[in-house]
Structures are given as structure tokens and as C-alpha cells.
């Protein structure tokens, strides 16, 4: 699946920095997540269909809140494909999907063990490709 990187309000950074969130992500994904998400939108209609189908057909990995005031979320493990075609690299990651009313269907928040924009040398408007893991 391919998406286009975009900047958002930065609200996920404060959520991602919470101790209970970091501990839950480590338990669920097996890595310490960088305390921010990378936002992408599906590149094409077929990418949007793939994302919709994944949400409908897979329960993902639940991320329950540690206390009231926070929403539940689901995690969809992925492998991010980066680097030049001659030196492809796969990075473990996950899509963090907040379970809140009216969450945009075309907003995908990716968590990874490092700051993806810097590591992959990408910026807003660039493409990012990933594969869903079972």
C-alpha cells in the first residue's frame, strides 16, 4: 500500500509520549516507538480500498486506554519499505487507528521505532509504501 505524507496538528505527539502508551506499544509491537506519528493519506483509490478492507476484515491489535479520558485504538502491524530501489530496507511499524467518532477515513497514522521523515529523508508530499503483516 502507498500513501502520501502530510503534516497535521501534531496532537499525536503528546499521546505518544505518555508512559502507558509507550509501554503498551512495546508490549504489542516489540519495539520502543518514536513519540510521534507520521501521517499519510492513501495515494490512490485502490490504496484507500486496501485500508478500508483491512479495518473491516482485521480486528488489529487492541490498544486499551490506561485511564478514562483517552480513547481506545487499534494497531495494524506493517513493514515500511524505504530506501533506494537498489538498497531496499524494511522497518517494523504499525498503523495507529484511534477509535473515535468521525475519525477521517483517509488519515493514517504510522508509528515506528525511529523518526521516519529523517531516517528515510522524506517530506510532505512524498510517497511512503508499506505492507501489512499478520
Protein backbone atom coordinates (compact mmCIF):
# COMPACT_ATOMS: atom_id res chain seq x y z
CA UNK A 1 0.00 0.00 0.00
CA UNK A 2 1.21 3.51 -0.75
CA UNK A 3 0.36 6.80 0.90
CA UNK A 4 1.30 10.45 0.58
CA UNK A 5 2.96 12.06 3.62
CA UNK A 6 1.37 15.17 5.12
CA UNK A 7 1.73 17.26 8.27
CA UNK A 8 -1.12 17.56 10.73
CA UNK A 9 -1.74 19.33 14.01
CA UNK A 10 0.90 17.38 15.95
CA UNK A 11 -1.63 16.21 18.55
CA UNK A 12 -0.39 12.61 18.45
CA UNK A 13 3.00 13.58 19.91
CA UNK A 14 1.61 14.26 23.39
CA UNK A 15 -0.37 10.99 23.31
CA UNK A 16 2.62 9.02 22.03
CA UNK A 17 4.85 10.41 24.80
CA UNK A 18 2.64 9.03 27.60
CA UNK A 19 4.32 6.27 29.62
CA UNK A 20 1.35 3.90 29.40
CA UNK A 21 1.14 4.36 25.62
CA UNK A 22 4.85 3.66 25.18
CA UNK A 23 4.62 0.57 27.43
CA UNK A 24 1.54 -0.74 25.58
CA UNK A 25 3.18 -0.21 22.18
CA UNK A 26 6.33 -2.01 23.33
CA UNK A 27 4.22 -4.95 24.60
CA UNK A 28 2.10 -5.11 21.45
CA UNK A 29 4.70 -4.38 18.79
CA UNK A 30 8.01 -5.40 20.34
CA UNK A 31 9.75 -2.04 19.89
CA UNK A 32 10.02 1.33 21.58
CA UNK A 33 8.03 3.71 19.39
CA UNK A 34 9.28 7.15 18.44
CA UNK A 35 6.99 9.57 20.33
CA UNK A 36 5.14 10.90 17.27
CA UNK A 37 3.27 9.53 14.28
CA UNK A 38 3.86 10.01 10.57
CA UNK A 39 0.65 10.99 8.79
CA UNK A 40 -0.18 9.68 5.34
CA UNK A 41 -3.22 9.59 3.08
CA UNK A 42 -3.91 6.77 0.62
CA UNK A 43 -2.27 7.62 -2.70
CA UNK A 44 -4.91 6.13 -4.99
CA UNK A 45 -8.43 4.71 -4.81
CA UNK A 46 -7.04 1.17 -4.64
CA UNK A 47 -4.92 2.15 -1.62
CA UNK A 48 -8.00 3.59 0.10
CA UNK A 49 -9.86 0.33 -0.63
CA UNK A 50 -7.00 -1.71 0.82
CA UNK A 51 -7.06 0.37 4.03
CA UNK A 52 -10.87 0.15 4.31
CA UNK A 53 -10.76 -3.63 3.75
CA UNK A 54 -8.03 -4.04 6.39
CA UNK A 55 -10.10 -2.15 9.00
CA UNK A 56 -13.21 -4.18 8.16
CA UNK A 57 -11.61 -7.63 7.95
CA UNK A 58 -9.00 -7.46 10.70
CA UNK A 59 -9.55 -6.57 14.34
CA UNK A 60 -5.96 -5.38 14.57
CA UNK A 61 -4.22 -5.35 17.93
CA UNK A 62 -6.28 -3.54 20.59
CA UNK A 63 -4.70 -0.68 22.50
CA UNK A 64 -6.88 -0.09 25.55
CA UNK A 65 -6.57 3.18 27.47
CA UNK A 66 -4.96 3.05 30.91
CA UNK A 67 -7.46 5.56 32.28
CA UNK A 68 -10.59 7.48 31.42
CA UNK A 69 -10.15 10.46 29.17
CA UNK A 70 -8.34 8.54 26.45
CA UNK A 71 -9.79 6.62 23.54
CA UNK A 72 -9.15 3.04 22.60
CA UNK A 73 -7.20 2.39 19.44
CA UNK A 74 -6.25 -0.47 17.15
CA UNK A 75 -2.82 -1.26 15.82
CA UNK A 76 -2.17 -2.79 12.43
CA UNK A 77 1.42 -4.09 12.20
CA UNK A 78 3.21 -3.15 8.99
CA UNK A 79 6.63 -3.21 7.36
CA UNK A 80 7.63 0.14 5.93
CA UNK A 81 9.61 -0.12 2.73
CA UNK A 82 12.25 2.55 2.34
CA UNK A 83 15.49 3.35 0.65
CA UNK A 84 16.56 3.41 -2.96
CA UNK A 85 15.38 0.53 -5.17
CA UNK A 86 18.90 -0.89 -5.14
CA UNK A 87 19.08 -0.88 -1.33
CA UNK A 88 15.57 -1.56 -0.03
CA UNK A 89 15.11 -1.58 3.72
CA UNK A 90 12.13 -2.83 5.74
CA UNK A 91 11.29 -1.10 9.02
CA UNK A 92 8.87 -2.56 11.56
CA UNK A 93 5.97 -0.27 12.30
CA UNK A 94 2.23 -0.11 12.81
CA UNK A 95 -0.75 1.97 11.87
CA UNK A 96 -2.36 3.51 14.96
CA UNK A 97 -6.10 3.87 14.37
CA UNK A 98 -7.91 5.82 17.14
CA UNK A 99 -11.42 4.56 17.81
CA UNK A 100 -13.17 7.91 17.92
CA UNK A 101 -16.30 9.18 16.21
CA UNK A 102 -15.75 10.91 12.88
CA UNK A 103 -12.08 9.98 12.60
CA UNK A 104 -11.11 10.66 8.96
CA UNK A 105 -11.09 7.50 6.83
CA UNK A 106 -8.22 8.86 4.77
CA UNK A 107 -5.90 9.70 7.69
CA UNK A 108 -3.35 7.02 8.50
CA UNK A 109 -1.01 7.47 11.47
CA UNK A 110 2.15 5.37 11.39
CA UNK A 111 4.28 4.56 14.42
CA UNK A 112 7.83 3.23 14.14
CA UNK A 113 10.91 2.82 16.32
CA UNK A 114 12.54 5.90 14.75
CA UNK A 115 11.68 9.24 13.20
CA UNK A 116 10.72 8.12 9.71
CA UNK A 117 10.98 11.50 7.98
CA UNK A 118 14.62 11.87 8.99
CA UNK A 119 15.61 8.22 8.60
CA UNK A 120 14.10 7.89 5.11
CA UNK A 121 14.80 11.52 4.11
CA UNK A 122 11.17 12.14 3.13
CA UNK A 123 8.92 15.16 3.49
CA UNK A 124 5.33 16.25 2.96
CA UNK A 125 4.10 15.25 -0.49
CA UNK A 126 6.48 12.27 -0.76
CA UNK A 127 5.26 8.69 -1.05
CA UNK A 128 5.61 6.02 1.60
CA UNK A 129 5.00 2.33 0.89
CA UNK A 130 4.25 -0.42 3.40
CA UNK A 131 2.98 -3.97 3.65
CA UNK A 132 0.58 -5.28 6.27
CA UNK A 133 1.96 -8.07 8.49
CA UNK A 134 -0.13 -10.85 10.01
